[in-house]
Structures are given as C-alpha cells and as structure tokens.
C-alpha atoms as a PDB file:
ATOM      1  CA  MET A   1      -3.766  -0.419   1.126  1.00  0.00           C
ATOM      2  CA  ARG A   2      -1.794  -3.101  -0.309  1.00  0.00           C
ATOM      3  CA  THR A   3      -0.771  -3.953   2.961  1.00  0.00           C
ATOM      4  CA  LEU A   4      -4.006  -4.396   3.863  1.00  0.00           C
ATOM      5  CA  VAL A   5      -5.411  -6.413   0.865  1.00  0.00           C
ATOM      6  CA  PHE A   6      -2.276  -8.523   1.067  1.00  0.00           C
ATOM      7  CA  LEU A   7      -2.935  -9.277   5.083  1.00  0.00           C
ATOM      8  CA  ILE A   8      -6.280 -10.243   4.402  1.00  0.00           C
ATOM      9  CA  VAL A   9      -6.064 -12.378   1.474  1.00  0.00           C
ATOM     10  CA  LEU A  10      -3.371 -14.309   3.312  1.00  0.00           C
ATOM     11  CA  PHE A  11      -5.181 -14.796   6.565  1.00  0.00           C
ATOM     12  CA  THR A  12      -8.678 -16.094   4.401  1.00  0.00           C
ATOM     13  CA  THR A  13      -6.268 -17.997   1.707  1.00  0.00           C
ATOM     14  CA  VAL A  14      -4.213 -20.292   4.761  1.00  0.00           C
ATOM     15  CA  PRO A  15      -5.937 -22.640   7.334  1.00  0.00           C
ATOM     16  CA  ALA A  16      -5.981 -22.529  10.745  1.00  0.00           C
ATOM     17  CA  TYR A  17      -4.984 -26.336  10.248  1.00  0.00           C
ATOM     18  CA  ALA A  18      -2.258 -25.654   8.536  1.00  0.00           C
ATOM     19  CA  ILE A  19      -0.346 -24.135  11.558  1.00  0.00           C
ATOM     20  CA  GLU A  20       1.238 -25.928  13.597  1.00  0.00           C
ATOM     21  CA  LYS A  21      -0.494 -25.896  17.330  1.00  0.00           C
ATOM     22  CA  ASP A  22       2.968 -25.120  18.584  1.00  0.00           C
ATOM     23  CA  LYS A  23       3.494 -22.015  16.954  1.00  0.00           C
ATOM     24  CA  ILE A  24      -0.161 -20.957  17.885  1.00  0.00           C
ATOM     25  CA  SER A  25       0.755 -21.370  21.096  1.00  0.00           C
ATOM     26  CA  HIS A  26       3.596 -19.498  21.324  1.00  0.00           C
ATOM     27  CA  PHE A  27       1.576 -16.428  19.078  1.00  0.00           C
ATOM     28  CA  ALA A  28      -0.916 -16.686  21.952  1.00  0.00           C
ATOM     29  CA  GLY A  29       1.452 -16.773  24.982  1.00  0.00           C
ATOM     30  CA  GLY A  30       3.158 -14.034  23.542  1.00  0.00           C
ATOM     31  CA  GLY A  31      -0.333 -12.060  23.312  1.00  0.00           C
ATOM     32  CA  VAL A  32      -1.464 -12.462  26.337  1.00  0.00           C
ATOM     33  CA  LEU A  33       1.938 -11.628  28.095  1.00  0.00           C
ATOM     34  CA  GLY A  34       2.121  -8.378  25.708  1.00  0.00           C
ATOM     35  CA  LEU A  35      -1.284  -7.453  26.400  1.00  0.00           C
ATOM     36  CA  THR A  36      -0.792  -8.518  29.934  1.00  0.00           C
ATOM     37  CA  ALA A  37       2.166  -6.391  30.531  1.00  0.00           C
ATOM     38  CA  ASP A  38       1.174  -3.284  28.474  1.00  0.00           C
ATOM     39  CA  THR A  39      -2.217  -3.220  30.687  1.00  0.00           C
ATOM     40  CA  ILE A  40       0.383  -3.537  34.081  1.00  0.00           C
ATOM     41  CA  ILE A  41       2.927  -0.696  33.013  1.00  0.00           C
ATOM     42  CA  TYR A  42       0.145   1.814  31.224  1.00  0.00           C
ATOM     43  CA  HIS A  43      -0.979   1.691  34.872  1.00  0.00           C
ATOM     44  CA  THR A  44       1.880   2.121  37.536  1.00  0.00           C
ATOM     45  CA  LYS A  45       4.022   3.818  35.460  1.00  0.00           C
ATOM     46  CA  ASP A  46       3.751   7.309  33.582  1.00  0.00           C
ATOM     47  CA  TRP A  47       5.765   6.900  30.312  1.00  0.00           C
ATOM     48  CA  GLY A  48       4.371   7.450  27.062  1.00  0.00           C
ATOM     49  CA  GLN A  49       3.421   5.891  24.177  1.00  0.00           C
ATOM     50  CA  PRO A  50       6.094   4.553  22.294  1.00  0.00           C
ATOM     51  CA  GLN A  51       8.177   3.764  25.423  1.00  0.00           C
ATOM     52  CA  ARG A  52       5.288   2.077  27.154  1.00  0.00           C
ATOM     53  CA  MET A  53       4.902   0.001  24.046  1.00  0.00           C
ATOM     54  CA  ALA A  54       8.546  -0.819  23.715  1.00  0.00           C
ATOM     55  CA  PHE A  55       9.198  -1.852  27.115  1.00  0.00           C
ATOM     56  CA  SER A  56       5.452  -4.439  27.350  1.00  0.00           C
ATOM     57  CA  GLY A  57       6.630  -5.751  23.947  1.00  0.00           C
ATOM     58  CA  GLY A  58      10.562  -6.461  24.759  1.00  0.00           C
ATOM     59  CA  LEU A  59       9.276  -7.856  28.315  1.00  0.00           C
ATOM     60  CA  ALA A  60       6.261 -10.004  26.637  1.00  0.00           C
ATOM     61  CA  PHE A  61       9.180 -11.404  24.398  1.00  0.00           C
ATOM     62  CA  ILE A  62      11.535 -12.622  27.202  1.00  0.00           C
ATOM     63  CA  PRO A  63      10.033 -15.631  28.272  1.00  0.00           C
ATOM     64  CA  GLY A  64       9.868 -16.778  25.154  1.00  0.00           C
ATOM     65  CA  PHE A  65      13.190 -16.911  24.212  1.00  0.00           C
ATOM     66  CA  ALA A  66      13.797 -18.360  27.569  1.00  0.00           C
ATOM     67  CA  ILE A  67      11.626 -21.173  26.181  1.00  0.00           C
ATOM     68  CA  GLU A  68      13.733 -21.470  23.077  1.00  0.00           C
ATOM     69  CA  VAL A  69      17.456 -21.171  24.445  1.00  0.00           C
ATOM     70  CA  VAL A  70      15.824 -24.088  27.472  1.00  0.00           C
ATOM     71  CA  ASP A  71      14.688 -26.051  24.612  1.00  0.00           C
ATOM     72  CA  GLU A  72      17.997 -25.935  22.581  1.00  0.00           C
ATOM     73  CA  PHE A  73      19.960 -27.391  25.241  1.00  0.00           C
ATOM     74  CA  SER A  74      17.190 -29.701  26.799  1.00  0.00           C
ATOM     75  CA  GLY A  75      17.385 -31.695  23.340  1.00  0.00           C
ATOM     76  CA  THR A  76      14.554 -30.115  20.916  1.00  0.00           C
ATOM     77  CA  HIS A  77      16.670 -27.605  18.496  1.00  0.00           C
ATOM     78  CA  PHE A  78      16.144 -23.953  18.719  1.00  0.00           C
ATOM     79  CA  SER A  79      13.615 -22.413  16.560  1.00  0.00           C
ATOM     80  CA  TRP A  80      13.864 -19.181  14.709  1.00  0.00           C
ATOM     81  CA  TYR A  81      10.053 -20.137  13.789  1.00  0.00           C
ATOM     82  CA  ASP A  82       8.979 -19.915  17.475  1.00  0.00           C
ATOM     83  CA  LEU A  83      10.621 -16.678  18.101  1.00  0.00           C
ATOM     84  CA  LEU A  84       8.590 -15.247  15.269  1.00  0.00           C
ATOM     85  CA  ALA A  85       5.904 -16.785  16.757  1.00  0.00           C
ATOM     86  CA  ASP A  86       6.878 -15.806  19.872  1.00  0.00           C
ATOM     87  CA  GLY A  87       7.433 -11.610  18.758  1.00  0.00           C
ATOM     88  CA  LEU A  88       4.007 -11.251  16.549  1.00  0.00           C
ATOM     89  CA  GLY A  89       2.288 -12.322  19.402  1.00  0.00           C
ATOM     90  CA  SER A  90       4.118  -9.882  21.673  1.00  0.00           C
ATOM     91  CA  VAL A  91       3.287  -6.927  19.563  1.00  0.00           C
ATOM     92  CA  THR A  92      -0.583  -8.311  19.220  1.00  0.00           C
ATOM     93  CA  GLY A  93      -0.954  -8.181  22.502  1.00  0.00           C
ATOM     94  CA  VAL A  94       0.687  -4.684  22.888  1.00  0.00           C
ATOM     95  CA  VAL A  95      -1.204  -3.112  20.673  1.00  0.00           C
ATOM     96  CA  ALA A  96      -4.659  -4.673  22.279  1.00  0.00           C
ATOM     97  CA  GLY A  97      -3.018  -3.670  25.315  1.00  0.00           C
ATOM     98  CA  GLU A  98      -2.740   0.170  23.788  1.00  0.00           C
ATOM     99  CA  LEU A  99      -6.514  -0.426  22.236  1.00  0.00           C
ATOM    100  CA  ILE A 100      -8.251  -1.471  25.243  1.00  0.00           C
ATOM    101  CA  ASN A 101      -6.507   1.211  27.394  1.00  0.00           C
ATOM    102  CA  GLY A 102      -7.642   4.100  25.156  1.00  0.00           C
ATOM    103  CA  LYS A 103      -4.139   5.196  24.011  1.00  0.00           C
ATOM    104  CA  LEU A 104      -4.398   3.999  20.640  1.00  0.00           C
ATOM    105  CA  TRP A 105      -7.167   4.584  18.091  1.00  0.00           C
ATOM    106  CA  ILE A 106      -7.923   2.880  14.594  1.00  0.00           C
ATOM    107  CA  SER A 107      -8.675   5.644  12.157  1.00  0.00           C
ATOM    108  CA  ALA A 108      -9.982   4.500   8.721  1.00  0.00           C
ATOM    109  CA  SER A 109     -10.721   6.627   5.787  1.00  0.00           C
ATOM    110  CA  PRO A 110     -11.626   5.246   2.053  1.00  0.00           C
ATOM    111  CA  SER A 111      -8.104   5.238   1.093  1.00  0.00           C
ATOM    112  CA  ARG A 112      -6.422   4.455   4.065  1.00  0.00           C
ATOM    113  CA  VAL A 113      -6.707   2.332   7.765  1.00  0.00           C
ATOM    114  CA  SER A 114      -3.762   3.649  10.569  1.00  0.00           C
ATOM    115  CA  LEU A 115      -3.449   3.381  13.918  1.00  0.00           C
ATOM    116  CA  THR A 116      -3.363   7.135  15.634  1.00  0.00           C
ATOM    117  CA  GLY A 117      -2.637   8.292  19.564  1.00  0.00           C
ATOM    118  CA  HIS A 118      -0.781  10.244  21.744  1.00  0.00           C
ATOM    119  CA  TRP A 119       2.871  10.186  20.726  1.00  0.00           C
END
C-alpha cells in the first residue's frame, strides 16, 4: 500500500512538462513495442506467462538500446535515463498486453492491490 501511495503522490506532484520530451518518446516507444511484442507472442507461441513476458520485454527493449548505442557513436552521448525510460515503457507495454489479452487480472482489496494470473 505504501508503494501505491508513493506512486500516486509521485505522478500527481510531478507535472508532465517537467519531464523531457525525449524521455516521453522513449517511454512511449517502449510501451508500444512491449504491447505489440507481447500480443504477437501471445497469439503465435504456446508459452507460459513468465516466459512470454520476459521475452516480450527483452524484445521490446532492444530498439531502445540500439538507439543509445548509435547515439554514442554519432556524437550524442549514451543516456542511461533514456535507457531507463525505454525499459519502463517496455515493462508497461508488456503488462498492458497481458491485461488486454486476458491472462493477467488486477485483484484489489481494501488493504492490497495486486496483479494475478495464470503462472
């Protein structure tokens, strides 16, 4: 519950304009790739949820990492914060893909909110 309260406070007190547009684009790109990869793998492979989520997240993370490597050699420097935004976006997209595809549910009680599913 403390984590949930912390996240709510964080997202409501940090204005959206305080986040660089570059980080938003990295997060959004990772999110779209994570959602796409998870949905494609969900419908084409007969894998369990942890394996599918791990593979989808890794697959969605690769383009962001490649962009940072290219940035390092093209004059712009490698950014760990961009890589963090890519990773967070990938994880968000994969979790959204699992929610949309029906293999993950949000379970809530007065004292706890958790993700449940077929593991």
